[in-house]
C-alpha atoms as a PDB file:
ATOM      1  CA  MET A   1      -1.004 128.204  64.860  1.00  0.00           C
ATOM      2  CA  ASP A   2       2.089 130.418  65.020  1.00  0.00           C
ATOM      3  CA  PRO A   3       3.139 131.850  61.650  1.00  0.00           C
ATOM      4  CA  GLY A   4       6.529 130.625  60.543  1.00  0.00           C
ATOM      5  CA  VAL A   5       5.740 127.435  58.612  1.00  0.00           C
ATOM      6  CA  SER A   6       2.696 127.001  56.393  1.00  0.00           C
ATOM      7  CA  VAL A   7      -0.115 124.578  57.239  1.00  0.00           C
ATOM      8  CA  PRO A   8       0.354 121.885  56.029  1.00  0.00           C
ATOM      9  CA  PRO A   9       4.163 122.044  55.910  1.00  0.00           C
ATOM     10  CA  LYS A  10       5.977 121.190  52.698  1.00  0.00           C
ATOM     11  CA  LEU A  11       8.654 119.222  54.579  1.00  0.00           C
ATOM     12  CA  TYR A  12       9.194 119.427  58.325  1.00  0.00           C
ATOM     13  CA  GLY A  13       6.782 121.041  60.746  1.00  0.00           C
ATOM     14  CA  GLY A  14       5.283 118.732  63.327  1.00  0.00           C
ATOM     15  CA  HIS A  15       2.611 120.986  64.788  1.00  0.00           C
ATOM     16  CA  GLU A  16       1.710 122.397  61.401  1.00  0.00           C
ATOM     17  CA  ARG A  17       1.132 118.866  60.145  1.00  0.00           C
ATOM     18  CA  LEU A  18      -1.039 118.135  63.187  1.00  0.00           C
ATOM     19  CA  VAL A  19      -3.145 121.261  62.708  1.00  0.00           C
ATOM     20  CA  TYR A  20      -3.864 120.318  59.110  1.00  0.00           C
ATOM     21  CA  MET A  21      -4.685 116.689  59.953  1.00  0.00           C
ATOM     22  CA  PHE A  22      -7.059 117.614  62.747  1.00  0.00           C
ATOM     23  CA  ALA A  23      -8.746 120.298  60.637  1.00  0.00           C
ATOM     24  CA  GLU A  24      -9.397 117.780  57.870  1.00  0.00           C
ATOM     25  CA  GLN A  25     -10.518 115.100  60.320  1.00  0.00           C
ATOM     26  CA  TYR A  26     -12.963 117.433  62.090  1.00  0.00           C
ATOM     27  CA  ILE A  27     -14.399 118.437  58.706  1.00  0.00           C
ATOM     28  CA  LYS A  28     -14.759 114.743  57.822  1.00  0.00           C
ATOM     29  CA  MET A  29     -16.663 114.315  61.093  1.00  0.00           C
ATOM     30  CA  GLY A  30     -19.115 117.043  60.070  1.00  0.00           C
ATOM     31  CA  HIS A  31     -17.697 120.057  61.893  1.00  0.00           C
ATOM     32  CA  ALA A  32     -17.096 123.515  60.411  1.00  0.00           C
ATOM     33  CA  VAL A  33     -13.427 124.439  60.810  1.00  0.00           C
ATOM     34  CA  THR A  34     -11.386 127.625  60.526  1.00  0.00           C
ATOM     35  CA  ILE A  35      -7.605 127.578  60.787  1.00  0.00           C
ATOM     36  CA  MET A  36      -5.519 130.673  61.531  1.00  0.00           C
ATOM     37  CA  ALA A  37      -1.927 130.192  60.461  1.00  0.00           C
ATOM     38  CA  GLY A  38       0.966 131.623  58.455  1.00  0.00           C
ATOM     39  CA  PRO A  39       0.979 132.561  54.756  1.00  0.00           C
ATOM     40  CA  ASP A  40       0.316 129.842  52.154  1.00  0.00           C
ATOM     41  CA  SER A  41      -1.729 127.811  54.644  1.00  0.00           C
ATOM     42  CA  TYR A  42      -4.947 126.082  53.631  1.00  0.00           C
ATOM     43  CA  CYS A  43      -7.509 123.456  54.619  1.00  0.00           C
ATOM     44  CA  SER A  44     -10.846 122.251  53.301  1.00  0.00           C
ATOM     45  CA  GLY A  45     -12.598 124.674  55.638  1.00  0.00           C
ATOM     46  CA  LYS A  46     -11.891 128.369  56.100  1.00  0.00           C
ATOM     47  CA  THR A  47      -8.325 129.639  56.326  1.00  0.00           C
ATOM     48  CA  ILE A  48      -7.119 132.939  57.783  1.00  0.00           C
ATOM     49  CA  CYS A  49      -3.480 133.641  56.949  1.00  0.00           C
ATOM     50  CA  PHE A  50      -1.534 136.128  59.041  1.00  0.00           C
ATOM     51  CA  GLY A  51       2.011 137.148  59.905  1.00  0.00           C
ATOM     52  CA  LYS A  52       5.150 136.026  58.099  1.00  0.00           C
ATOM     53  CA  ASN A  53       6.751 132.664  57.494  1.00  0.00           C
ATOM     54  CA  GLY A  54      10.413 132.041  58.141  1.00  0.00           C
ATOM     55  CA  LEU A  55      12.560 131.981  61.254  1.00  0.00           C
ATOM     56  CA  PRO A  56      14.039 133.695  63.161  1.00  0.00           C
ATOM     57  CA  LYS A  57      11.782 136.757  63.217  1.00  0.00           C
ATOM     58  CA  SER A  58      12.112 140.151  64.877  1.00  0.00           C
ATOM     59  CA  LYS A  59      10.543 141.010  68.225  1.00  0.00           C
ATOM     60  CA  PHE A  60       8.407 143.600  66.440  1.00  0.00           C
ATOM     61  CA  GLN A  61       7.078 140.972  64.009  1.00  0.00           C
ATOM     62  CA  SER A  62       6.290 138.561  66.848  1.00  0.00           C
ATOM     63  CA  LEU A  63       4.375 141.261  68.737  1.00  0.00           C
ATOM     64  CA  LEU A  64       2.507 142.284  65.600  1.00  0.00           C
ATOM     65  CA  GLU A  65       1.362 138.694  65.117  1.00  0.00           C
ATOM     66  CA  VAL A  66       0.123 138.553  68.717  1.00  0.00           C
ATOM     67  CA  PHE A  67      -1.953 141.692  68.212  1.00  0.00           C
ATOM     68  CA  ILE A  68      -3.450 140.326  64.988  1.00  0.00           C
ATOM     69  CA  ALA A  69      -4.454 137.107  66.763  1.00  0.00           C
ATOM     70  CA  TRP A  70      -5.863 139.060  69.728  1.00  0.00           C
ATOM     71  CA  LYS A  71      -8.009 141.230  67.479  1.00  0.00           C
ATOM     72  CA  TYR A  72      -9.431 138.291  65.542  1.00  0.00           C
ATOM     73  CA  LEU A  73     -10.197 136.170  68.605  1.00  0.00           C
ATOM     74  CA  PHE A  74     -11.725 139.036  70.552  1.00  0.00           C
ATOM     75  CA  LEU A  75     -14.021 140.011  67.678  1.00  0.00           C
ATOM     76  CA  ASN A  76     -14.940 136.492  66.516  1.00  0.00           C
ATOM     77  CA  HIS A  77     -14.825 134.097  69.479  1.00  0.00           C
ATOM     78  CA  ASN A  78     -18.622 133.979  69.712  1.00  0.00           C
ATOM     79  CA  LYS A  79     -18.750 132.306  66.288  1.00  0.00           C
ATOM     80  CA  TYR A  80     -17.016 129.176  67.576  1.00  0.00           C
ATOM     81  CA  ASP A  81     -17.839 126.329  69.949  1.00  0.00           C
ATOM     82  CA  LEU A  82     -14.150 125.496  70.441  1.00  0.00           C
ATOM     83  CA  ILE A  83     -10.878 127.354  69.997  1.00  0.00           C
ATOM     84  CA  HIS A  84      -7.958 124.922  69.870  1.00  0.00           C
ATOM     85  CA  ASN A  85      -4.609 126.685  70.190  1.00  0.00           C
ATOM     86  CA  PHE A  86      -1.425 125.012  68.952  1.00  0.00           C
ATOM     87  CA  GLY A  87       0.415 128.323  69.034  1.00  0.00           C
ATOM     88  CA  ARG A  88       1.524 130.686  71.777  1.00  0.00           C
ATOM     89  CA  LEU A  89      -0.392 130.746  75.051  1.00  0.00           C
ATOM     90  CA  VAL A  90      -0.466 134.532  74.921  1.00  0.00           C
ATOM     91  CA  TYR A  91      -2.926 134.369  71.996  1.00  0.00           C
ATOM     92  CA  LEU A  92      -5.690 133.315  74.401  1.00  0.00           C
ATOM     93  CA  ILE A  93      -5.447 136.304  76.762  1.00  0.00           C
ATOM     94  CA  PRO A  94      -8.379 138.330  75.287  1.00  0.00           C
ATOM     95  CA  ILE A  95     -10.754 135.345  75.571  1.00  0.00           C
ATOM     96  CA  LEU A  96      -9.527 133.649  78.749  1.00  0.00           C
ATOM     97  CA  ASN A  97     -12.683 134.403  80.676  1.00  0.00           C
ATOM     98  CA  LYS A  98     -15.066 134.101  77.731  1.00  0.00           C
ATOM     99  CA  ARG A  99     -17.553 131.244  77.587  1.00  0.00           C
ATOM    100  CA  VAL A 100     -16.102 129.641  74.445  1.00  0.00           C
ATOM    101  CA  LYS A 101     -14.338 126.329  75.150  1.00  0.00           C
ATOM    102  CA  LYS A 102     -10.578 126.438  74.785  1.00  0.00           C
ATOM    103  CA  ILE A 103      -7.877 123.788  74.456  1.00  0.00           C
ATOM    104  CA  MET A 104      -4.249 124.855  74.786  1.00  0.00           C
ATOM    105  CA  THR A 105      -2.019 122.123  73.346  1.00  0.00           C
ATOM    106  CA  TYR A 106       1.706 121.818  74.001  1.00  0.00           C
ATOM    107  CA  GLY A 107       4.203 119.889  71.926  1.00  0.00           C
ATOM    108  CA  ARG A 108       7.339 121.061  73.696  1.00  0.00           C
ATOM    109  CA  VAL A 109       8.494 121.562  77.279  1.00  0.00           C
ATOM    110  CA  VAL A 110       6.206 124.005  79.070  1.00  0.00           C
ATOM    111  CA  THR A 111       7.306 127.226  80.758  1.00  0.00           C
ATOM    112  CA  TYR A 112       5.430 126.605  83.989  1.00  0.00           C
ATOM    113  CA  GLN A 113       5.664 130.248  85.103  1.00  0.00           C
ATOM    114  CA  ASN A 114       3.438 131.165  82.147  1.00  0.00           C
ATOM    115  CA  ILE A 115       0.873 128.572  83.248  1.00  0.00           C
ATOM    116  CA  GLU A 116       0.844 130.000  86.773  1.00  0.00           C
ATOM    117  CA  LYS A 117       0.397 133.539  85.444  1.00  0.00           C
ATOM    118  CA  ILE A 118      -2.443 132.625  83.098  1.00  0.00           C
ATOM    119  CA  CYS A 119      -4.253 130.513  85.680  1.00  0.00           C
ATOM    120  CA  SER A 120      -4.016 133.332  88.237  1.00  0.00           C
ATOM    121  CA  LYS A 121      -6.247 135.401  85.947  1.00  0.00           C
ATOM    122  CA  PRO A 122     -10.014 134.876  85.666  1.00  0.00           C
ATOM    123  CA  ASN A 123     -10.592 132.097  83.141  1.00  0.00           C
ATOM    124  CA  ARG A 124     -13.306 129.696  82.033  1.00  0.00           C
ATOM    125  CA  ASN A 125     -13.518 126.513  79.986  1.00  0.00           C
ATOM    126  CA  LEU A 126      -9.759 126.193  79.506  1.00  0.00           C
ATOM    127  CA  VAL A 127      -8.051 122.786  79.252  1.00  0.00           C
ATOM    128  CA  PHE A 128      -4.314 122.255  78.830  1.00  0.00           C
ATOM    129  CA  THR A 129      -3.018 119.222  76.971  1.00  0.00           C
ATOM    130  CA  GLY A 130       0.451 117.811  76.410  1.00  0.00           C
ATOM    131  CA  CYS A 131       1.427 115.178  73.863  1.00  0.00           C
ATOM    132  CA  SER A 132       2.836 112.782  76.495  1.00  0.00           C
ATOM    133  CA  ASN A 133       2.657 112.157  80.218  1.00  0.00           C
ATOM    134  CA  TYR A 134       6.256 113.339  80.370  1.00  0.00           C
ATOM    135  CA  LEU A 135       5.347 116.662  78.752  1.00  0.00           C
ATOM    136  CA  VAL A 136       2.286 117.164  80.961  1.00  0.00           C
ATOM    137  CA  SER A 137       4.557 116.723  83.989  1.00  0.00           C
ATOM    138  CA  THR A 138       6.565 119.793  82.927  1.00  0.00           C
ATOM    139  CA  GLY A 139       3.569 122.136  83.050  1.00  0.00           C
ATOM    140  CA  ASN A 140       1.008 120.641  85.413  1.00  0.00           C
ATOM    141  CA  VAL A 141       1.417 123.268  88.131  1.00  0.00           C
ATOM    142  CA  ALA A 142      -1.990 124.935  87.723  1.00  0.00           C
ATOM    143  CA  GLY A 143      -5.152 124.554  85.686  1.00  0.00           C
ATOM    144  CA  VAL A 144      -6.720 121.417  84.204  1.00  0.00           C
ATOM    145  CA  TRP A 145      -4.286 119.127  82.364  1.00  0.00           C
ATOM    146  CA  THR A 146      -4.565 115.896  80.403  1.00  0.00           C
ATOM    147  CA  THR A 147      -2.419 113.848  78.045  1.00  0.00           C
ATOM    148  CA  VAL A 148      -3.480 113.605  74.409  1.00  0.00           C
ATOM    149  CA  TYR A 149      -0.867 111.967  72.208  1.00  0.00           C
ATOM    150  CA  ASN A 150       0.149 113.316  68.829  1.00  0.00           C
ATOM    151  CA  ALA A 151      -1.290 111.699  65.720  1.00  0.00           C
ATOM    152  CA  ILE A 152      -0.450 110.745  62.176  1.00  0.00           C
ATOM    153  CA  ASP A 153      -2.637 109.742  59.245  1.00  0.00           C
ATOM    154  CA  PHE A 154      -1.901 106.030  58.877  1.00  0.00           C
ATOM    155  CA  ASP A 155      -3.539 106.009  55.433  1.00  0.00           C
ATOM    156  CA  LYS A 156      -0.443 107.804  54.138  1.00  0.00           C
ATOM    157  CA  TYR A 157       1.880 104.991  55.195  1.00  0.00           C
ATOM    158  CA  THR A 158       2.196 101.518  53.731  1.00  0.00           C
ATOM    159  CA  LEU A 159       2.810  98.412  55.796  1.00  0.00           C
ATOM    160  CA  GLN A 160       5.915  96.498  54.779  1.00  0.00           C
ATOM    161  CA  SER A 161       5.131  93.220  56.480  1.00  0.00           C
ATOM    162  CA  SER A 162       8.621  91.822  56.046  1.00  0.00           C
ATOM    163  CA  VAL A 163      12.121  93.040  55.265  1.00  0.00           C
ATOM    164  CA  ALA A 164      15.453  91.238  55.103  1.00  0.00           C
ATOM    165  CA  ASN A 165      17.226  90.841  58.437  1.00  0.00           C
ATOM    166  CA  ASP A 166      20.153  92.885  57.149  1.00  0.00           C
ATOM    167  CA  SER A 167      17.997  95.769  55.867  1.00  0.00           C
ATOM    168  CA  PRO A 168      19.320  99.251  56.643  1.00  0.00           C
ATOM    169  CA  LEU A 169      18.689 101.103  59.861  1.00  0.00           C
ATOM    170  CA  MET A 170      17.198 104.601  59.741  1.00  0.00           C
ATOM    171  CA  PHE A 171      17.763 107.923  61.456  1.00  0.00           C
ATOM    172  CA  LEU A 172      15.079 110.474  60.575  1.00  0.00           C
ATOM    173  CA  SER A 173      15.043 113.810  62.365  1.00  0.00           C
ATOM    174  CA  ARG A 174      16.411 117.321  62.390  1.00  0.00           C
ATOM    175  CA  LEU A 175      20.181 117.005  62.478  1.00  0.00           C
ATOM    176  CA  ASP A 176      20.724 118.586  65.890  1.00  0.00           C
ATOM    177  CA  LYS A 177      23.058 116.957  68.377  1.00  0.00           C
ATOM    178  CA  ILE A 178      20.295 116.227  70.899  1.00  0.00           C
ATOM    179  CA  LYS A 179      18.544 114.070  68.285  1.00  0.00           C
ATOM    180  CA  GLY A 180      21.409 111.583  68.478  1.00  0.00           C
ATOM    181  CA  CYS A 181      22.485 111.006  64.891  1.00  0.00           C
ATOM    182  CA  HIS A 182      26.064 110.430  66.108  1.00  0.00           C
ATOM    183  CA  ASN A 183      24.751 107.637  68.349  1.00  0.00           C
ATOM    184  CA  ALA A 184      22.975 106.053  65.386  1.00  0.00           C
ATOM    185  CA  ILE A 185      26.231 106.159  63.417  1.00  0.00           C
ATOM    186  CA  GLU A 186      28.109 104.570  66.317  1.00  0.00           C
ATOM    187  CA  LEU A 187      25.588 101.729  66.504  1.00  0.00           C
ATOM    188  CA  ALA A 188      25.798 101.171  62.747  1.00  0.00           C
ATOM    189  CA  LYS A 189      29.609 101.150  62.800  1.00  0.00           C
ATOM    190  CA  ARG A 190      29.781  98.745  65.727  1.00  0.00           C
ATOM    191  CA  THR A 191      27.308  96.297  64.189  1.00  0.00           C
ATOM    192  CA  GLY A 192      28.378  96.604  60.556  1.00  0.00           C
ATOM    193  CA  ARG A 193      24.847  97.653  59.544  1.00  0.00           C
ATOM    194  CA  LYS A 194      23.954 100.167  56.867  1.00  0.00           C
ATOM    195  CA  LEU A 195      22.407 103.411  58.090  1.00  0.00           C
ATOM    196  CA  ILE A 196      20.237 105.850  56.149  1.00  0.00           C
ATOM    197  CA  ILE A 197      20.254 109.378  57.587  1.00  0.00           C
ATOM    198  CA  ALA A 198      17.453 111.767  56.649  1.00  0.00           C
ATOM    199  CA  GLY A 199      16.573 115.195  57.978  1.00  0.00           C
ATOM    200  CA  ASN A 200      17.124 118.887  57.614  1.00  0.00           C
ATOM    201  CA  ILE A 201      20.286 120.672  58.726  1.00  0.00           C
ATOM    202  CA  SER A 202      19.634 123.417  61.276  1.00  0.00           C
ATOM    203  CA  HIS A 203      20.279 127.089  60.513  1.00  0.00           C
ATOM    204  CA  VAL A 204      21.820 127.441  63.998  1.00  0.00           C
ATOM    205  CA  ALA A 205      25.600 127.835  63.791  1.00  0.00           C
ATOM    206  CA  ALA A 206      26.399 125.357  66.575  1.00  0.00           C
ATOM    207  CA  GLU A 207      24.236 122.669  64.945  1.00  0.00           C
ATOM    208  CA  GLN A 208      25.775 123.305  61.538  1.00  0.00           C
ATOM    209  CA  ASP A 209      29.184 122.825  63.155  1.00  0.00           C
ATOM    210  CA  TYR A 210      27.945 119.578  64.707  1.00  0.00           C
ATOM    211  CA  PHE A 211      26.899 118.303  61.283  1.00  0.00           C
ATOM    212  CA  LYS A 212      30.165 119.373  59.651  1.00  0.00           C
ATOM    213  CA  THR A 213      32.423 117.841  62.306  1.00  0.00           C
ATOM    214  CA  GLU A 214      30.561 114.817  63.716  1.00  0.00           C
ATOM    215  CA  ILE A 215      28.235 113.634  60.950  1.00  0.00           C
ATOM    216  CA  GLU A 216      29.379 114.648  57.475  1.00  0.00           C
ATOM    217  CA  PRO A 217      32.892 113.110  57.710  1.00  0.00           C
ATOM    218  CA  LYS A 218      31.313 109.707  58.457  1.00  0.00           C
ATOM    219  CA  ILE A 219      28.974 109.751  55.457  1.00  0.00           C
ATOM    220  CA  ASP A 220      30.539 107.499  52.815  1.00  0.00           C
ATOM    221  CA  GLY A 221      27.531 106.865  50.588  1.00  0.00           C
ATOM    222  CA  GLU A 222      27.850 103.133  51.162  1.00  0.00           C
ATOM    223  CA  GLN A 223      27.484 102.084  54.793  1.00  0.00           C
ATOM    224  CA  ILE A 224      26.380 105.553  55.965  1.00  0.00           C
ATOM    225  CA  SER A 225      24.167 107.499  53.540  1.00  0.00           C
ATOM    226  CA  TYR A 226      22.531 110.924  53.816  1.00  0.00           C
ATOM    227  CA  VAL A 227      19.399 111.456  51.698  1.00  0.00           C
ATOM    228  CA  GLY A 228      18.437 114.974  52.857  1.00  0.00           C
ATOM    229  CA  ALA A 229      15.033 116.182  54.001  1.00  0.00           C
ATOM    230  CA  LEU A 230      12.104 113.942  53.050  1.00  0.00           C
ATOM    231  CA  ASN A 231       8.487 114.673  52.174  1.00  0.00           C
ATOM    232  CA  ASP A 232       5.710 112.315  53.292  1.00  0.00           C
ATOM    233  CA  GLU A 233       5.999 110.065  50.241  1.00  0.00           C
ATOM    234  CA  LYS A 234       9.746 109.618  50.675  1.00  0.00           C
ATOM    235  CA  LYS A 235       9.391 109.022  54.414  1.00  0.00           C
ATOM    236  CA  ASN A 236       6.967 106.218  53.659  1.00  0.00           C
ATOM    237  CA  GLU A 237       9.425 104.729  51.154  1.00  0.00           C
ATOM    238  CA  TYR A 238      12.529 104.877  53.333  1.00  0.00           C
ATOM    239  CA  LEU A 239      10.936 103.945  56.655  1.00  0.00           C
ATOM    240  CA  GLY A 240       9.215 100.970  55.076  1.00  0.00           C
ATOM    241  CA  LYS A 241      12.382  99.385  53.753  1.00  0.00           C
ATOM    242  CA  CYS A 242      14.362  99.728  56.988  1.00  0.00           C
ATOM    243  CA  ALA A 243      14.769  97.141  59.722  1.00  0.00           C
ATOM    244  CA  ALA A 244      14.436  99.666  62.561  1.00  0.00           C
ATOM    245  CA  LEU A 245      14.255 103.374  63.313  1.00  0.00           C
ATOM    246  CA  LEU A 246      16.893 104.638  65.749  1.00  0.00           C
ATOM    247  CA  MET A 247      15.827 107.221  68.356  1.00  0.00           C
ATOM    248  CA  LEU A 248      19.035 107.325  70.375  1.00  0.00           C
ATOM    249  CA  ILE A 249      18.268 110.796  71.668  1.00  0.00           C
ATOM    250  CA  GLU A 250      20.134 112.995  74.125  1.00  0.00           C
ATOM    251  CA  TRP A 251      17.158 115.002  75.319  1.00  0.00           C
ATOM    252  CA  ASP A 252      13.666 114.411  76.682  1.00  0.00           C
ATOM    253  CA  GLU A 253      11.634 114.079  73.485  1.00  0.00           C
ATOM    254  CA  PRO A 254       8.086 115.435  74.028  1.00  0.00           C
ATOM    255  CA  PHE A 255       6.561 112.893  71.614  1.00  0.00           C
ATOM    256  CA  GLY A 256       8.513 112.111  68.456  1.00  0.00           C
ATOM    257  CA  MET A 257       6.048 111.676  65.592  1.00  0.00           C
ATOM    258  CA  VAL A 258       8.696 109.893  63.547  1.00  0.00           C
ATOM    259  CA  MET A 259       8.283 106.924  65.902  1.00  0.00           C
ATOM    260  CA  ALA A 260       4.593 106.640  64.996  1.00  0.00           C
ATOM    261  CA  GLU A 261       5.448 107.131  61.311  1.00  0.00           C
ATOM    262  CA  ALA A 262       7.909 104.244  61.460  1.00  0.00           C
ATOM    263  CA  MET A 263       5.372 102.012  63.221  1.00  0.00           C
ATOM    264  CA  ALA A 264       2.831 102.870  60.523  1.00  0.00           C
ATOM    265  CA  CYS A 265       5.163 101.141  58.053  1.00  0.00           C
ATOM    266  CA  GLY A 266       5.592  98.218  60.438  1.00  0.00           C
ATOM    267  CA  THR A 267       9.097  99.364  61.312  1.00  0.00           C
ATOM    268  CA  PRO A 268       9.981  99.019  65.008  1.00  0.00           C
ATOM    269  CA  VAL A 269      11.794 101.677  67.024  1.00  0.00           C
ATOM    270  CA  ILE A 270      14.911 101.357  69.155  1.00  0.00           C
ATOM    271  CA  GLY A 271      14.956 104.368  71.455  1.00  0.00           C
ATOM    272  CA  PHE A 272      16.733 105.647  74.525  1.00  0.00           C
ATOM    273  CA  ASN A 273      14.690 105.728  77.732  1.00  0.00           C
ATOM    274  CA  ARG A 274      14.084 109.477  77.789  1.00  0.00           C
ATOM    275  CA  GLY A 275      11.061 111.751  77.531  1.00  0.00           C
ATOM    276  CA  SER A 276       8.117 110.127  75.766  1.00  0.00           C
ATOM    277  CA  VAL A 277       9.996 107.134  74.334  1.00  0.00           C
ATOM    278  CA  PRO A 278       8.845 104.620  76.989  1.00  0.00           C
ATOM    279  CA  GLU A 279       5.252 105.816  76.490  1.00  0.00           C
ATOM    280  CA  VAL A 280       5.245 105.602  72.691  1.00  0.00           C
ATOM    281  CA  VAL A 281       7.206 102.356  72.293  1.00  0.00           C
ATOM    282  CA  GLU A 282       5.564  99.134  73.501  1.00  0.00           C
ATOM    283  CA  GLU A 283       8.402  96.852  74.539  1.00  0.00           C
ATOM    284  CA  GLY A 284       8.796  93.896  72.203  1.00  0.00           C
ATOM    285  CA  VAL A 285       5.713  94.874  70.198  1.00  0.00           C
ATOM    286  CA  THR A 286       6.523  98.168  68.468  1.00  0.00           C
ATOM    287  CA  GLY A 287      10.180  98.313  69.447  1.00  0.00           C
ATOM    288  CA  PHE A 288      12.604  98.378  72.333  1.00  0.00           C
ATOM    289  CA  VAL A 289      13.439 100.955  75.015  1.00  0.00           C
ATOM    290  CA  VAL A 290      17.123 100.937  75.909  1.00  0.00           C
ATOM    291  CA  ASN A 291      19.456 102.800  78.249  1.00  0.00           C
ATOM    292  CA  ASN A 292      22.700 102.904  76.282  1.00  0.00           C
ATOM    293  CA  ILE A 293      24.412 101.853  73.058  1.00  0.00           C
ATOM    294  CA  GLU A 294      25.226  98.394  74.418  1.00  0.00           C
ATOM    295  CA  ASP A 295      21.532  97.804  75.139  1.00  0.00           C
ATOM    296  CA  ALA A 296      20.678  99.102  71.668  1.00  0.00           C
ATOM    297  CA  ILE A 297      23.058  96.594  70.085  1.00  0.00           C
ATOM    298  CA  ASP A 298      21.352  93.794  72.025  1.00  0.00           C
ATOM    299  CA  ALA A 299      17.910  95.106  71.011  1.00  0.00           C
ATOM    300  CA  LEU A 300      18.912  95.122  67.362  1.00  0.00           C
ATOM    301  CA  LYS A 301      19.422  91.351  67.565  1.00  0.00           C
ATOM    302  CA  LYS A 302      15.770  90.988  68.660  1.00  0.00           C
ATOM    303  CA  VAL A 303      14.296  93.177  65.907  1.00  0.00           C
ATOM    304  CA  PRO A 304      13.621  90.233  63.523  1.00  0.00           C
ATOM    305  CA  LYS A 305      11.241  88.807  66.159  1.00  0.00           C
ATOM    306  CA  ILE A 306       8.949  91.845  65.888  1.00  0.00           C
ATOM    307  CA  ASN A 307       5.718  91.152  64.004  1.00  0.00           C
ATOM    308  CA  ARG A 308       5.607  94.165  61.694  1.00  0.00           C
ATOM    309  CA  SER A 309       1.882  93.789  60.968  1.00  0.00           C
ATOM    310  CA  LEU A 310       1.097  93.796  64.684  1.00  0.00           C
ATOM    311  CA  CYS A 311       3.443  96.749  65.154  1.00  0.00           C
ATOM    312  CA  ARG A 312       1.342  98.828  62.766  1.00  0.00           C
ATOM    313  CA  GLU A 313      -1.958  97.530  64.160  1.00  0.00           C
ATOM    314  CA  ARG A 314      -1.081  98.490  67.737  1.00  0.00           C
ATOM    315  CA  ALA A 315       0.121 101.919  66.683  1.00  0.00           C
ATOM    316  CA  ILE A 316      -3.064 102.604  64.684  1.00  0.00           C
ATOM    317  CA  GLY A 317      -5.160 102.032  67.788  1.00  0.00           C
ATOM    318  CA  ARG A 318      -3.092 104.531  69.745  1.00  0.00           C
ATOM    319  CA  PHE A 319      -2.006 107.257  67.311  1.00  0.00           C
ATOM    320  CA  ASN A 320      -4.215 107.375  64.207  1.00  0.00           C
ATOM    321  CA  VAL A 321      -5.702 110.795  63.538  1.00  0.00           C
ATOM    322  CA  ASP A 322      -9.331 109.679  64.013  1.00  0.00           C
ATOM    323  CA  VAL A 323      -8.506 108.272  67.458  1.00  0.00           C
ATOM    324  CA  ILE A 324      -6.722 111.403  68.664  1.00  0.00           C
ATOM    325  CA  ALA A 325      -9.261 113.808  67.133  1.00  0.00           C
ATOM    326  CA  GLY A 326     -11.924 111.948  69.107  1.00  0.00           C
ATOM    327  CA  ASP A 327      -9.849 112.279  72.279  1.00  0.00           C
ATOM    328  CA  TYR A 328      -9.707 116.056  71.826  1.00  0.00           C
ATOM    329  CA  LEU A 329     -13.420 116.392  71.160  1.00  0.00           C
ATOM    330  CA  ASN A 330     -14.228 114.279  74.199  1.00  0.00           C
ATOM    331  CA  LEU A 331     -12.523 116.933  76.362  1.00  0.00           C
ATOM    332  CA  VAL A 332     -15.174 119.492  75.442  1.00  0.00           C
ATOM    333  CA  LYS A 333     -18.269 117.315  74.984  1.00  0.00           C
ATOM    334  CA  ASN A 334     -20.227 118.725  77.901  1.00  0.00           C
END
């Protein structure tokens, strides 16, 4: 895992959360596990901390971290049956053609030129995975690819089998423009519904300006509330008491773990038809896939018909950590 955010993360850090969950699940299944990640990381197995946390980082620091990873993998790869990389592809260069089995997992849009370069070199036992069919389509230009969805630990989320029809709506994400918080506010304003906004504010100047000009002026603490960044316990609390999660995004979301987190509470998702949304959301069962705000308003009227218990049940079968951990291990069984 790239240094930058500790494993597990204290607040936001999707891949870091995945690395920790899979490490713990593999240990539960009887495997010995080592994680290599940034400072303050830990798991029930062995942990090797390297590099520095915090972003952005200098080019020198990034290169130094690559060399540290290279040295460790080159000297120790024979100790492992599987090396599962959630970090930079470049980490695998020293062991590309070694016998050890390797999974390279992507959670964001793939730079396909890097895939072509790596696959042009001698390599063995290397499988690429993406967290949605959409994401796999961005990198499947060479090598062996398969879709393995992201996971959450459903035991950390509580089913709320019923909520009032006028319960608040929820936006939960990083407060970047592409995540569509302004669309969620528009839907709430047009329908008279309360909206709870949660998420961290980016350190990027343009995104801070977006928050200051398009989001903050509309927060009144009554109809539109902002509750800041949430830890797992608070996510469970807020998602569970909401009528629906809004994913009215303006980009091609690679997966969107918050959708699975909402479903774990029984809360359906209303999401724009982009990226992974039509793969993650089962129409009329775990939510609704829509094309515009007008469609979202119509979908909101159908939310009370969703069986929240079934919503959680269907999502468990698709995205629980034990299911996805098994999918990964099945890739390297033979």
